[in-house]
PDB file of N, CA and C in Angstrom:
ATOM      1  N   MET A   1     123.778  53.222-153.088  1.00  0.00           N
ATOM      2  CA  MET A   1     123.640  54.651-153.346  1.00  0.00           C
ATOM      3  C   MET A   1     124.247  54.968-154.702  1.00  0.00           C
ATOM      4  N   VAL A   2     123.455  55.409-155.634  1.00  0.00           N
ATOM      5  CA  VAL A   2     123.930  55.830-156.940  1.00  0.00           C
ATOM      6  C   VAL A   2     124.056  57.338-156.911  1.00  0.00           C
ATOM      7  N   SER A   3     125.168  57.822-157.391  1.00  0.00           N
ATOM      8  CA  SER A   3     125.497  59.231-157.262  1.00  0.00           C
ATOM      9  C   SER A   3     125.175  60.032-158.516  1.00  0.00           C
ATOM     10  N   ASP A   4     124.706  61.246-158.320  1.00  0.00           N
ATOM     11  CA  ASP A   4     124.615  62.201-159.409  1.00  0.00           C
ATOM     12  C   ASP A   4     125.839  63.112-159.403  1.00  0.00           C
ATOM     13  N   ALA A   5     126.629  63.052-158.331  1.00  0.00           N
ATOM     14  CA  ALA A   5     127.826  63.872-158.225  1.00  0.00           C
ATOM     15  C   ALA A   5     128.890  63.312-159.159  1.00  0.00           C
ATOM     16  N   PRO A   6     129.606  64.186-159.817  1.00  0.00           N
ATOM     17  CA  PRO A   6     130.635  63.709-160.734  1.00  0.00           C
ATOM     18  C   PRO A   6     131.838  63.145-159.986  1.00  0.00           C
ATOM     19  N   LEU A   7     132.548  62.312-160.676  1.00  0.00           N
ATOM     20  CA  LEU A   7     133.815  61.799-160.197  1.00  0.00           C
ATOM     21  C   LEU A   7     134.891  62.480-161.026  1.00  0.00           C
ATOM     22  N   ALA A   8     135.798  63.153-160.375  1.00  0.00           N
ATOM     23  CA  ALA A   8     136.879  63.837-161.087  1.00  0.00           C
ATOM     24  C   ALA A   8     138.171  63.077-160.840  1.00  0.00           C
ATOM     25  N   ILE A   9     138.843  62.706-161.925  1.00  0.00           N
ATOM     26  CA  ILE A   9     140.118  62.001-161.828  1.00  0.00           C
ATOM     27  C   ILE A   9     141.138  62.792-162.642  1.00  0.00           C
ATOM     28  N   THR A  10     142.202  63.198-161.970  1.00  0.00           N
ATOM     29  CA  THR A  10     143.247  64.005-162.596  1.00  0.00           C
ATOM     30  C   THR A  10     144.557  63.244-162.550  1.00  0.00           C
ATOM     31  N   VAL A  11     145.256  63.212-163.668  1.00  0.00           N
ATOM     32  CA  VAL A  11     146.570  62.584-163.714  1.00  0.00           C
ATOM     33  C   VAL A  11     147.577  63.530-163.073  1.00  0.00           C
ATOM     34  N   THR A  12     148.400  62.991-162.169  1.00  0.00           N
ATOM     35  CA  THR A  12     149.455  63.769-161.516  1.00  0.00           C
ATOM     36  C   THR A  12     150.800  63.135-161.835  1.00  0.00           C
ATOM     37  N   ALA A  13     151.865  63.759-161.403  1.00  0.00           N
ATOM     38  CA  ALA A  13     153.201  63.219-161.648  1.00  0.00           C
ATOM     39  C   ALA A  13     153.383  61.848-161.000  1.00  0.00           C
ATOM     40  N   ALA A  14     152.741  61.627-159.865  1.00  0.00           N
ATOM     41  CA  ALA A  14     152.919  60.374-159.123  1.00  0.00           C
ATOM     42  C   ALA A  14     151.811  59.357-159.367  1.00  0.00           C
ATOM     43  N   GLY A  15     150.719  59.787-159.962  1.00  0.00           N
ATOM     44  CA  GLY A  15     149.606  58.856-160.153  1.00  0.00           C
ATOM     45  C   GLY A  15     148.320  59.557-160.501  1.00  0.00           C
ATOM     46  N   LEU A  16     147.332  59.437-159.597  1.00  0.00           N
ATOM     47  CA  LEU A  16     146.015  60.008-159.853  1.00  0.00           C
ATOM     48  C   LEU A  16     145.496  60.737-158.625  1.00  0.00           C
ATOM     49  N   SER A  17     144.801  61.834-158.863  1.00  0.00           N
ATOM     50  CA  SER A  17     144.080  62.549-157.821  1.00  0.00           C
ATOM     51  C   SER A  17     142.600  62.326-158.100  1.00  0.00           C
ATOM     52  N   ILE A  18     141.883  61.836-157.095  1.00  0.00           N
ATOM     53  CA  ILE A  18     140.492  61.438-157.275  1.00  0.00           C
ATOM     54  C   ILE A  18     139.612  62.248-156.334  1.00  0.00           C
ATOM     55  N   ALA A  19     138.514  62.785-156.860  1.00  0.00           N
ATOM     56  CA  ALA A  19     137.599  63.595-156.057  1.00  0.00           C
ATOM     57  C   ALA A  19     136.164  63.229-156.415  1.00  0.00           C
ATOM     58  N   GLY A  20     135.284  63.298-155.426  1.00  0.00           N
ATOM     59  CA  GLY A  20     133.866  63.046-155.656  1.00  0.00           C
ATOM     60  C   GLY A  20     133.406  61.767-154.998  1.00  0.00           C
ATOM     61  N   GLU A  21     132.403  61.139-155.595  1.00  0.00           N
ATOM     62  CA  GLU A  21     131.799  59.935-155.049  1.00  0.00           C
ATOM     63  C   GLU A  21     132.103  58.739-155.934  1.00  0.00           C
ATOM     64  N   ILE A  22     132.489  57.644-155.285  1.00  0.00           N
ATOM     65  CA  ILE A  22     132.769  56.405-156.010  1.00  0.00           C
ATOM     66  C   ILE A  22     131.701  55.400-155.611  1.00  0.00           C
ATOM     67  N   ASP A  23     130.852  55.080-156.576  1.00  0.00           N
ATOM     68  CA  ASP A  23     129.750  54.161-156.339  1.00  0.00           C
ATOM     69  C   ASP A  23     129.550  53.296-157.574  1.00  0.00           C
ATOM     70  N   VAL A  24     128.440  52.595-157.628  1.00  0.00           N
ATOM     71  CA  VAL A  24     128.193  51.675-158.739  1.00  0.00           C
ATOM     72  C   VAL A  24     128.214  52.394-160.097  1.00  0.00           C
ATOM     73  N   ALA A  25     127.845  53.647-160.133  1.00  0.00           N
ATOM     74  CA  ALA A  25     127.819  54.400-161.387  1.00  0.00           C
ATOM     75  C   ALA A  25     129.198  54.904-161.809  1.00  0.00           C
ATOM     76  N   THR A  26     130.074  55.166-160.843  1.00  0.00           N
ATOM     77  CA  THR A  26     131.369  55.782-161.166  1.00  0.00           C
ATOM     78  C   THR A  26     132.564  54.845-161.014  1.00  0.00           C
ATOM     79  N   ALA A  27     132.384  53.702-160.352  1.00  0.00           N
ATOM     80  CA  ALA A  27     133.496  52.768-160.142  1.00  0.00           C
ATOM     81  C   ALA A  27     134.131  52.286-161.454  1.00  0.00           C
ATOM     82  N   PRO A  28     133.358  52.031-162.521  1.00  0.00           N
ATOM     83  CA  PRO A  28     134.006  51.622-163.775  1.00  0.00           C
ATOM     84  C   PRO A  28     134.962  52.694-164.321  1.00  0.00           C
ATOM     85  N   THR A  29     134.624  53.956-164.131  1.00  0.00           N
ATOM     86  CA  THR A  29     135.514  55.039-164.565  1.00  0.00           C
ATOM     87  C   THR A  29     136.813  55.001-163.778  1.00  0.00           C
ATOM     88  N   LEU A  30     136.712  54.774-162.475  1.00  0.00           N
ATOM     89  CA  LEU A  30     137.903  54.664-161.641  1.00  0.00           C
ATOM     90  C   LEU A  30     138.760  53.489-162.072  1.00  0.00           C
ATOM     91  N   ARG A  31     138.145  52.346-162.264  1.00  0.00           N
ATOM     92  CA  ARG A  31     138.870  51.133-162.673  1.00  0.00           C
ATOM     93  C   ARG A  31     139.606  51.370-163.997  1.00  0.00           C
ATOM     94  N   THR A  32     138.949  52.000-164.955  1.00  0.00           N
ATOM     95  CA  THR A  32     139.561  52.288-166.249  1.00  0.00           C
ATOM     96  C   THR A  32     140.734  53.251-166.102  1.00  0.00           C
ATOM     97  N   ALA A  33     140.565  54.286-165.289  1.00  0.00           N
ATOM     98  CA  ALA A  33     141.629  55.278-165.093  1.00  0.00           C
ATOM     99  C   ALA A  33     142.860  54.656-164.431  1.00  0.00           C
ATOM    100  N   ILE A  34     142.638  53.816-163.428  1.00  0.00           N
ATOM    101  CA  ILE A  34     143.770  53.162-162.760  1.00  0.00           C
ATOM    102  C   ILE A  34     144.476  52.225-163.735  1.00  0.00           C
ATOM    103  N   GLY A  35     143.710  51.451-164.492  1.00  0.00           N
ATOM    104  CA  GLY A  35     144.302  50.548-165.488  1.00  0.00           C
ATOM    105  C   GLY A  35     145.138  51.287-166.510  1.00  0.00           C
ATOM    106  N   ALA A  36     144.634  52.417-166.978  1.00  0.00           N
ATOM    107  CA  ALA A  36     145.378  53.223-167.955  1.00  0.00           C
ATOM    108  C   ALA A  36     146.656  53.792-167.339  1.00  0.00           C
ATOM    109  N   ALA A  37     146.573  54.237-166.094  1.00  0.00           N
ATOM    110  CA  ALA A  37     147.754  54.784-165.422  1.00  0.00           C
ATOM    111  C   ALA A  37     148.827  53.714-165.228  1.00  0.00           C
ATOM    112  N   ILE A  38     148.407  52.506-164.862  1.00  0.00           N
ATOM    113  CA  ILE A  38     149.364  51.406-164.692  1.00  0.00           C
ATOM    114  C   ILE A  38     150.019  51.065-166.022  1.00  0.00           C
ATOM    115  N   ALA A  39     149.242  51.068-167.088  1.00  0.00           N
ATOM    116  CA  ALA A  39     149.750  50.688-168.413  1.00  0.00           C
ATOM    117  C   ALA A  39     150.843  51.621-168.924  1.00  0.00           C
ATOM    118  N   VAL A  40     150.773  52.892-168.567  1.00  0.00           N
ATOM    119  CA  VAL A  40     151.757  53.853-169.085  1.00  0.00           C
ATOM    120  C   VAL A  40     152.784  54.291-168.042  1.00  0.00           C
ATOM    121  N   ALA A  41     152.718  53.708-166.861  1.00  0.00           N
ATOM    122  CA  ALA A  41     153.597  54.151-165.764  1.00  0.00           C
ATOM    123  C   ALA A  41     155.051  53.786-166.021  1.00  0.00           C
ATOM    124  N   ASP A  42     155.924  54.739-165.695  1.00  0.00           N
ATOM    125  CA  ASP A  42     157.356  54.475-165.734  1.00  0.00           C
ATOM    126  C   ASP A  42     157.787  53.692-164.501  1.00  0.00           C
ATOM    127  N   ARG A  43     157.035  53.885-163.421  1.00  0.00           N
ATOM    128  CA  ARG A  43     157.347  53.172-162.178  1.00  0.00           C
ATOM    129  C   ARG A  43     156.055  52.923-161.404  1.00  0.00           C
ATOM    130  N   LEU A  44     156.111  51.884-160.611  1.00  0.00           N
ATOM    131  CA  LEU A  44     154.985  51.544-159.754  1.00  0.00           C
ATOM    132  C   LEU A  44     155.438  51.664-158.313  1.00  0.00           C
ATOM    133  N   PRO A  45     154.608  51.894-157.372  1.00  0.00           N
ATOM    134  CA  PRO A  45     153.156  51.904-157.503  1.00  0.00           C
ATOM    135  C   PRO A  45     152.622  53.235-158.016  1.00  0.00           C
ATOM    136  N   ILE A  46     151.400  53.183-158.508  1.00  0.00           N
ATOM    137  CA  ILE A  46     150.642  54.374-158.845  1.00  0.00           C
ATOM    138  C   ILE A  46     150.094  54.899-157.516  1.00  0.00           C
ATOM    139  N   LEU A  47     150.362  56.145-157.221  1.00  0.00           N
ATOM    140  CA  LEU A  47     149.899  56.738-155.963  1.00  0.00           C
ATOM    141  C   LEU A  47     148.554  57.418-156.183  1.00  0.00           C
ATOM    142  N   LEU A  48     147.608  57.087-155.324  1.00  0.00           N
ATOM    143  CA  LEU A  48     146.270  57.654-155.421  1.00  0.00           C
ATOM    144  C   LEU A  48     146.052  58.665-154.307  1.00  0.00           C
ATOM    145  N   ASP A  49     145.799  59.899-154.696  1.00  0.00           N
ATOM    146  CA  ASP A  49     145.398  60.938-153.745  1.00  0.00           C
ATOM    147  C   ASP A  49     143.876  60.884-153.697  1.00  0.00           C
ATOM    148  N   MET A  50     143.354  60.358-152.609  1.00  0.00           N
ATOM    149  CA  MET A  50     141.905  60.213-152.458  1.00  0.00           C
ATOM    150  C   MET A  50     141.378  61.113-151.351  1.00  0.00           C
ATOM    151  N   SER A  51     142.086  62.197-151.089  1.00  0.00           N
ATOM    152  CA  SER A  51     141.712  63.111-150.001  1.00  0.00           C
ATOM    153  C   SER A  51     140.398  63.838-150.260  1.00  0.00           C
ATOM    154  N   GLU A  52     139.976  63.909-151.506  1.00  0.00           N
ATOM    155  CA  GLU A  52     138.736  64.610-151.858  1.00  0.00           C
ATOM    156  C   GLU A  52     137.594  63.668-152.213  1.00  0.00           C
ATOM    157  N   VAL A  53     137.735  62.386-151.869  1.00  0.00           N
ATOM    158  CA  VAL A  53     136.644  61.423-152.090  1.00  0.00           C
ATOM    159  C   VAL A  53     135.668  61.551-150.927  1.00  0.00           C
ATOM    160  N   SER A  54     134.443  61.925-151.238  1.00  0.00           N
ATOM    161  CA  SER A  54     133.444  62.143-150.186  1.00  0.00           C
ATOM    162  C   SER A  54     132.631  60.899-149.855  1.00  0.00           C
ATOM    163  N   PHE A  55     132.613  59.924-150.775  1.00  0.00           N
ATOM    164  CA  PHE A  55     131.856  58.695-150.560  1.00  0.00           C
ATOM    165  C   PHE A  55     132.482  57.592-151.391  1.00  0.00           C
ATOM    166  N   ILE A  56     132.568  56.400-150.810  1.00  0.00           N
ATOM    167  CA  ILE A  56     133.010  55.226-151.556  1.00  0.00           C
ATOM    168  C   ILE A  56     132.253  54.025-151.016  1.00  0.00           C
ATOM    169  N   ASP A  57     131.672  53.236-151.915  1.00  0.00           N
ATOM    170  CA  ASP A  57     130.943  52.044-151.492  1.00  0.00           C
ATOM    171  C   ASP A  57     131.710  50.799-151.932  1.00  0.00           C
ATOM    172  N   SER A  58     131.068  49.661-151.818  1.00  0.00           N
ATOM    173  CA  SER A  58     131.740  48.403-152.155  1.00  0.00           C
ATOM    174  C   SER A  58     132.140  48.330-153.622  1.00  0.00           C
ATOM    175  N   SER A  59     131.443  49.048-154.479  1.00  0.00           N
ATOM    176  CA  SER A  59     131.819  49.087-155.895  1.00  0.00           C
ATOM    177  C   SER A  59     133.172  49.762-156.068  1.00  0.00           C
ATOM    178  N   GLY A  60     133.413  50.794-155.286  1.00  0.00           N
ATOM    179  CA  GLY A  60     134.707  51.485-155.328  1.00  0.00           C
ATOM    180  C   GLY A  60     135.820  50.619-154.783  1.00  0.00           C
ATOM    181  N   VAL A  61     135.547  49.931-153.680  1.00  0.00           N
ATOM    182  CA  VAL A  61     136.543  49.011-153.122  1.00  0.00           C
ATOM    183  C   VAL A  61     136.839  47.910-154.132  1.00  0.00           C
ATOM    184  N   SER A  62     135.811  47.401-154.779  1.00  0.00           N
ATOM    185  CA  SER A  62     135.993  46.370-155.799  1.00  0.00           C
ATOM    186  C   SER A  62     136.882  46.862-156.940  1.00  0.00           C
ATOM    187  N   ALA A  63     136.694  48.094-157.368  1.00  0.00           N
ATOM    188  CA  ALA A  63     137.539  48.656-158.429  1.00  0.00           C
ATOM    189  C   ALA A  63     139.002  48.694-157.996  1.00  0.00           C
ATOM    190  N   LEU A  64     139.241  49.069-156.745  1.00  0.00           N
ATOM    191  CA  LEU A  64     140.610  49.093-156.221  1.00  0.00           C
ATOM    192  C   LEU A  64     141.189  47.679-156.151  1.00  0.00           C
ATOM    193  N   VAL A  65     140.393  46.738-155.643  1.00  0.00           N
ATOM    194  CA  VAL A  65     140.857  45.353-155.514  1.00  0.00           C
ATOM    195  C   VAL A  65     141.170  44.756-156.874  1.00  0.00           C
ATOM    196  N   MET A  66     140.296  44.983-157.855  1.00  0.00           N
ATOM    197  CA  MET A  66     140.530  44.447-159.199  1.00  0.00           C
ATOM    198  C   MET A  66     141.808  45.010-159.804  1.00  0.00           C
ATOM    199  N   SER A  67     142.069  46.281-159.573  1.00  0.00           N
ATOM    200  CA  SER A  67     143.297  46.891-160.084  1.00  0.00           C
ATOM    201  C   SER A  67     144.522  46.273-159.420  1.00  0.00           C
ATOM    202  N   GLN A  68     144.426  46.042-158.132  1.00  0.00           N
ATOM    203  CA  GLN A  68     145.536  45.457-157.379  1.00  0.00           C
ATOM    204  C   GLN A  68     145.764  43.998-157.789  1.00  0.00           C
ATOM    205  N   ARG A  69     144.708  43.273-158.070  1.00  0.00           N
ATOM    206  CA  ARG A  69     144.850  41.863-158.488  1.00  0.00           C
ATOM    207  C   ARG A  69     145.503  41.748-159.850  1.00  0.00           C
ATOM    208  N   ARG A  70     145.199  42.665-160.742  1.00  0.00           N
ATOM    209  CA  ARG A  70     145.794  42.629-162.083  1.00  0.00           C
ATOM    210  C   ARG A  70     147.282  42.950-162.046  1.00  0.00           C
ATOM    211  N   SER A  71     147.655  43.835-161.157  1.00  0.00           N
ATOM    212  CA  SER A  71     149.055  44.258-161.028  1.00  0.00           C
ATOM    213  C   SER A  71     149.377  44.384-159.539  1.00  0.00           C
ATOM    214  N   PRO A  72     149.714  43.277-158.875  1.00  0.00           N
ATOM    215  CA  PRO A  72     149.965  43.306-157.429  1.00  0.00           C
ATOM    216  C   PRO A  72     150.986  44.371-157.024  1.00  0.00           C
ATOM    217  N   GLY A  73     150.618  45.142-156.014  1.00  0.00           N
ATOM    218  CA  GLY A  73     151.502  46.186-155.510  1.00  0.00           C
ATOM    219  C   GLY A  73     151.518  47.447-156.344  1.00  0.00           C
ATOM    220  N   ALA A  74     150.663  47.510-157.357  1.00  0.00           N
ATOM    221  CA  ALA A  74     150.708  48.623-158.302  1.00  0.00           C
ATOM    222  C   ALA A  74     149.956  49.859-157.837  1.00  0.00           C
ATOM    223  N   VAL A  75     149.121  49.726-156.814  1.00  0.00           N
ATOM    224  CA  VAL A  75     148.278  50.837-156.386  1.00  0.00           C
ATOM    225  C   VAL A  75     148.470  51.089-154.896  1.00  0.00           C
ATOM    226  N   ARG A  76     148.750  52.353-154.540  1.00  0.00           N
ATOM    227  CA  ARG A  76     148.868  52.745-153.134  1.00  0.00           C
ATOM    228  C   ARG A  76     148.062  54.011-152.922  1.00  0.00           C
ATOM    229  N   ILE A  77     147.306  54.050-151.842  1.00  0.00           N
ATOM    230  CA  ILE A  77     146.567  55.252-151.468  1.00  0.00           C
ATOM    231  C   ILE A  77     147.429  56.018-150.480  1.00  0.00           C
ATOM    232  N   VAL A  78     147.792  57.241-150.838  1.00  0.00           N
ATOM    233  CA  VAL A  78     148.693  58.015-149.981  1.00  0.00           C
ATOM    234  C   VAL A  78     147.977  59.058-149.141  1.00  0.00           C
ATOM    235  N   THR A  79     146.843  59.514-149.589  1.00  0.00           N
ATOM    236  CA  THR A  79     146.098  60.528-148.832  1.00  0.00           C
ATOM    237  C   THR A  79     144.604  60.192-148.854  1.00  0.00           C
ATOM    238  N   PRO A  80     144.182  59.271-148.005  1.00  0.00           N
ATOM    239  CA  PRO A  80     142.769  58.895-148.006  1.00  0.00           C
ATOM    240  C   PRO A  80     141.912  59.919-147.278  1.00  0.00           C
ATOM    241  N   SER A  81     140.706  60.081-147.755  1.00  0.00           N
ATOM    242  CA  SER A  81     139.733  60.882-147.015  1.00  0.00           C
ATOM    243  C   SER A  81     139.221  60.036-145.859  1.00  0.00           C
ATOM    244  N   ARG A  82     138.434  60.638-145.014  1.00  0.00           N
ATOM    245  CA  ARG A  82     137.840  59.909-143.890  1.00  0.00           C
ATOM    246  C   ARG A  82     136.943  58.773-144.409  1.00  0.00           C
ATOM    247  N   ALA A  83     136.192  59.035-145.481  1.00  0.00           N
ATOM    248  CA  ALA A  83     135.305  58.010-146.047  1.00  0.00           C
ATOM    249  C   ALA A  83     136.099  56.814-146.571  1.00  0.00           C
ATOM    250  N   VAL A  84     137.211  57.091-147.226  1.00  0.00           N
ATOM    251  CA  VAL A  84     138.045  56.013-147.767  1.00  0.00           C
ATOM    252  C   VAL A  84     138.681  55.216-146.628  1.00  0.00           C
ATOM    253  N   THR A  85     139.226  55.902-145.654  1.00  0.00           N
ATOM    254  CA  THR A  85     139.841  55.227-144.512  1.00  0.00           C
ATOM    255  C   THR A  85     138.828  54.332-143.815  1.00  0.00           C
ATOM    256  N   ARG A  86     137.632  54.850-143.629  1.00  0.00           N
ATOM    257  CA  ARG A  86     136.588  54.092-142.920  1.00  0.00           C
ATOM    258  C   ARG A  86     136.251  52.795-143.642  1.00  0.00           C
ATOM    259  N   ILE A  87     135.979  52.845-144.937  1.00  0.00           N
ATOM    260  CA  ILE A  87     135.567  51.617-145.633  1.00  0.00           C
ATOM    261  C   ILE A  87     136.727  50.633-145.752  1.00  0.00           C
ATOM    262  N   LEU A  88     137.934  51.127-145.924  1.00  0.00           N
ATOM    263  CA  LEU A  88     139.073  50.207-146.000  1.00  0.00           C
ATOM    264  C   LEU A  88     139.340  49.553-144.646  1.00  0.00           C
ATOM    265  N   ASP A  89     139.151  50.299-143.568  1.00  0.00           N
ATOM    266  CA  ASP A  89     139.301  49.716-142.228  1.00  0.00           C
ATOM    267  C   ASP A  89     138.206  48.676-141.963  1.00  0.00           C
ATOM    268  N   ILE A  90     136.972  49.008-142.295  1.00  0.00           N
ATOM    269  CA  ILE A  90     135.844  48.100-142.056  1.00  0.00           C
ATOM    270  C   ILE A  90     136.016  46.800-142.841  1.00  0.00           C
ATOM    271  N   THR A  91     136.496  46.905-144.068  1.00  0.00           N
ATOM    272  CA  THR A  91     136.642  45.726-144.922  1.00  0.00           C
ATOM    273  C   THR A  91     137.966  45.001-144.710  1.00  0.00           C
ATOM    274  N   GLY A  92     138.844  45.569-143.896  1.00  0.00           N
ATOM    275  CA  GLY A  92     140.136  44.942-143.651  1.00  0.00           C
ATOM    276  C   GLY A  92     141.111  45.085-144.805  1.00  0.00           C
ATOM    277  N   MET A  93     140.881  46.057-145.670  1.00  0.00           N
ATOM    278  CA  MET A  93     141.713  46.226-146.861  1.00  0.00           C
ATOM    279  C   MET A  93     142.775  47.312-146.728  1.00  0.00           C
ATOM    280  N   SER A  94     142.833  47.983-145.603  1.00  0.00           N
ATOM    281  CA  SER A  94     143.781  49.093-145.438  1.00  0.00           C
ATOM    282  C   SER A  94     145.213  48.691-145.751  1.00  0.00           C
ATOM    283  N   GLU A  95     145.637  47.551-145.224  1.00  0.00           N
ATOM    284  CA  GLU A  95     147.031  47.145-145.407  1.00  0.00           C
ATOM    285  C   GLU A  95     147.391  46.884-146.862  1.00  0.00           C
ATOM    286  N   TYR A  96     146.406  46.621-147.699  1.00  0.00           N
ATOM    287  CA  TYR A  96     146.664  46.331-149.103  1.00  0.00           C
ATOM    288  C   TYR A  96     146.798  47.596-149.951  1.00  0.00           C
ATOM    289  N   PHE A  97     146.289  48.703-149.453  1.00  0.00           N
ATOM    290  CA  PHE A  97     146.274  49.922-150.254  1.00  0.00           C
ATOM    291  C   PHE A  97     146.967  51.119-149.644  1.00  0.00           C
ATOM    292  N   MET A  98     147.027  51.175-148.333  1.00  0.00           N
ATOM    293  CA  MET A  98     147.543  52.373-147.680  1.00  0.00           C
ATOM    294  C   MET A  98     149.061  52.396-147.746  1.00  0.00           C
ATOM    295  N   ASP A  99     149.585  53.593-147.961  1.00  0.00           N
ATOM    296  CA  ASP A  99     151.021  53.785-147.988  1.00  0.00           C
ATOM    297  C   ASP A  99     151.473  53.988-146.539  1.00  0.00           C
ATOM    298  N   MET A 100     151.861  52.902-145.892  1.00  0.00           N
ATOM    299  CA  MET A 100     152.210  52.947-144.488  1.00  0.00           C
ATOM    300  C   MET A 100     153.485  53.754-144.224  1.00  0.00           C
ATOM    301  N   SER A 101     154.315  53.925-145.233  1.00  0.00           N
ATOM    302  CA  SER A 101     155.533  54.719-145.048  1.00  0.00           C
ATOM    303  C   SER A 101     155.218  56.186-144.870  1.00  0.00           C
ATOM    304  N   ALA A 102     154.031  56.615-145.318  1.00  0.00           N
ATOM    305  CA  ALA A 102     153.640  58.009-145.189  1.00  0.00           C
ATOM    306  C   ALA A 102     152.990  58.294-143.854  1.00  0.00           C
ATOM    307  N   ALA A 103     152.689  57.260-143.106  1.00  0.00           N
ATOM    308  CA  ALA A 103     151.999  57.428-141.816  1.00  0.00           C
ATOM    309  C   ALA A 103     152.933  57.888-140.722  1.00  0.00           C
TER     310      ALA A 103
END
């Protein structure tokens, strides 16, 4: 599914707030934004607010995995939307990204 919906990424004090659809067309933007946030971070992990993500496909998961591989432990999802929770659960990736201390 290629999206015409925009992907909005906002820098916050703790990391990034992400809204919209993450698919093959928008995943490179996400990957670049996470990489930039890690590069300038005073502390890790970078916290991702993904509560407004309405769709994420394997391209989005790949962007998250690539970011985590480059900087292990550098990315945590603190507020996943239902779509994000679903794909991370299905792929078995929840434990690698979810902030379990917030649960």
